[in-house]
Amino acid sequence: MEKIDSATNGPAAEPGPCQKCGACCSYSSNWPRFTIEDDSALDLIPARLVNERLSGMRCDGERCSALTGKIGVATSCGIYAVRPEVCRTCMPGDVECNMARKRHGLPLLG
């Protein structure tokens, strides 16, 4: 039986590797840092999710506080539409992705 996406009433897309992973968002408390964002972009991120130094995302240990779900099973970003630039540039299978996946014992992406 085909899964139907309730938002589009069409076939549901299979989740990509990021929605099953989340390793990059739980790699280091220094990872979700702000880099080239301007003030207007940073203002869109809820203050409760920004670290004390205002230099990046707040983390619980090494896990970004905007990440929900279980690493390697099913995850999502609570601020996906306004996530920092460093989060936007990490791509499935790139060096950073595979470094994070390896740390969490997940298979590398090719």
Protein backbone atom coordinates (compact mmCIF):
# COMPACT_ATOMS: atom_id res chain seq x y z
CA MET A 1 0.00 0.00 0.00
CA GLU A 2 1.39 3.40 -1.00
CA LYS A 3 1.89 6.00 1.77
CA ILE A 4 0.07 9.28 1.13
CA ASP A 5 1.42 12.62 2.29
CA SER A 6 -1.45 14.40 4.06
CA ALA A 7 -0.08 17.83 3.11
CA THR A 8 -0.09 17.18 -0.64
CA ASN A 9 -2.43 14.18 -0.97
CA GLY A 10 0.28 12.65 -3.15
CA PRO A 11 2.75 9.82 -2.58
CA ALA A 12 4.80 10.36 0.56
CA ALA A 13 8.49 10.86 -0.07
CA GLU A 14 10.86 8.53 1.69
CA PRO A 15 12.79 10.40 4.37
CA GLY A 16 16.29 11.36 3.27
CA PRO A 17 19.40 10.31 5.13
CA CYS A 18 19.35 13.46 7.27
CA GLN A 19 15.90 12.72 8.72
CA LYS A 20 17.15 9.27 9.73
CA CYS A 21 20.50 10.52 11.05
CA GLY A 22 21.02 13.78 12.97
CA ALA A 23 24.66 12.92 13.74
CA CYS A 24 25.99 16.28 12.54
CA CYS A 25 23.63 18.03 14.96
CA SER A 26 24.98 15.98 17.83
CA TYR A 27 28.68 15.97 17.05
CA SER A 28 30.13 18.89 19.04
CA SER A 29 28.91 21.81 21.10
CA ASN A 30 31.13 23.96 18.85
CA TRP A 31 29.59 22.69 15.60
CA PRO A 32 26.35 24.65 15.29
CA ARG A 33 28.23 27.97 15.28
CA PHE A 34 27.22 31.15 13.57
CA THR A 35 29.46 32.20 10.71
CA ILE A 36 28.20 34.50 7.97
CA GLU A 37 24.63 35.12 9.15
CA ASP A 38 23.56 38.73 9.35
CA ASP A 39 21.68 40.12 12.34
CA SER A 40 18.28 39.83 10.64
CA ALA A 41 18.84 36.09 10.05
CA LEU A 42 20.04 35.55 13.61
CA ASP A 43 17.01 37.39 14.99
CA LEU A 44 14.79 34.64 13.51
CA ILE A 45 16.39 31.99 15.74
CA PRO A 46 14.58 31.77 19.09
CA ALA A 47 16.81 33.28 21.83
CA ARG A 48 16.30 30.21 24.04
CA LEU A 49 18.19 28.16 21.42
CA VAL A 50 21.22 30.49 21.19
CA ASN A 51 24.26 29.91 23.41
CA GLU A 52 25.39 32.32 26.13
CA ARG A 53 28.21 33.75 23.97
CA LEU A 54 25.74 34.42 21.13
CA SER A 55 28.18 32.57 18.87
CA GLY A 56 26.07 29.55 17.96
CA MET A 57 23.29 27.24 18.93
CA ARG A 58 22.76 26.19 22.55
CA CYS A 59 23.66 22.56 23.08
CA ASP A 60 22.72 19.93 25.62
CA GLY A 61 26.15 18.32 25.91
CA GLU A 62 27.16 17.94 22.27
CA ARG A 63 23.61 17.87 20.90
CA CYS A 64 22.04 20.98 19.38
CA SER A 65 19.00 22.00 21.40
CA ALA A 66 16.95 22.42 18.20
CA LEU A 67 17.36 18.73 17.30
CA THR A 68 14.51 16.36 18.10
CA GLY A 69 14.35 12.60 17.80
CA LYS A 70 16.82 9.76 18.13
CA ILE A 71 20.19 9.83 16.36
CA GLY A 72 20.36 7.23 13.59
CA VAL A 73 16.64 6.48 13.77
CA ALA A 74 14.51 9.57 13.10
CA THR A 75 15.43 13.21 13.70
CA SER A 76 14.32 16.69 12.72
CA CYS A 77 15.37 20.28 13.23
CA GLY A 78 12.99 22.45 15.21
CA ILE A 79 14.18 25.56 13.34
CA TYR A 80 14.90 24.07 9.92
CA ALA A 81 13.67 27.11 7.96
CA VAL A 82 15.93 29.50 9.90
CA ARG A 83 18.85 27.16 10.75
CA PRO A 84 22.38 28.61 10.73
CA GLU A 85 24.50 28.65 7.58
CA VAL A 86 26.83 25.91 8.88
CA CYS A 87 23.80 23.61 9.07
CA ARG A 88 22.78 24.49 5.52
CA THR A 89 26.20 23.69 4.06
CA CYS A 90 26.62 20.23 5.62
CA MET A 91 25.56 17.78 2.92
CA PRO A 92 24.82 14.05 3.12
CA GLY A 93 28.05 12.14 2.51
CA ASP A 94 30.44 15.10 2.73
CA VAL A 95 33.49 15.03 5.00
CA GLU A 96 31.71 16.63 7.97
CA CYS A 97 28.68 14.37 7.59
CA ASN A 98 30.73 11.19 7.50
CA MET A 99 32.93 12.33 10.39
CA ALA A 100 29.81 12.81 12.53
CA ARG A 101 28.24 9.54 11.35
CA LYS A 102 31.43 7.64 12.19
CA ARG A 103 31.48 9.12 15.70
CA HIS A 104 27.94 7.83 16.25
CA GLY A 105 28.70 4.39 14.79
CA LEU A 106 26.56 4.96 11.69
CA PRO A 107 27.57 3.72 8.23
CA LEU A 108 29.29 6.28 6.03
CA LEU A 109 27.40 7.71 3.07
CA GLY A 110 28.96 7.51 -0.39
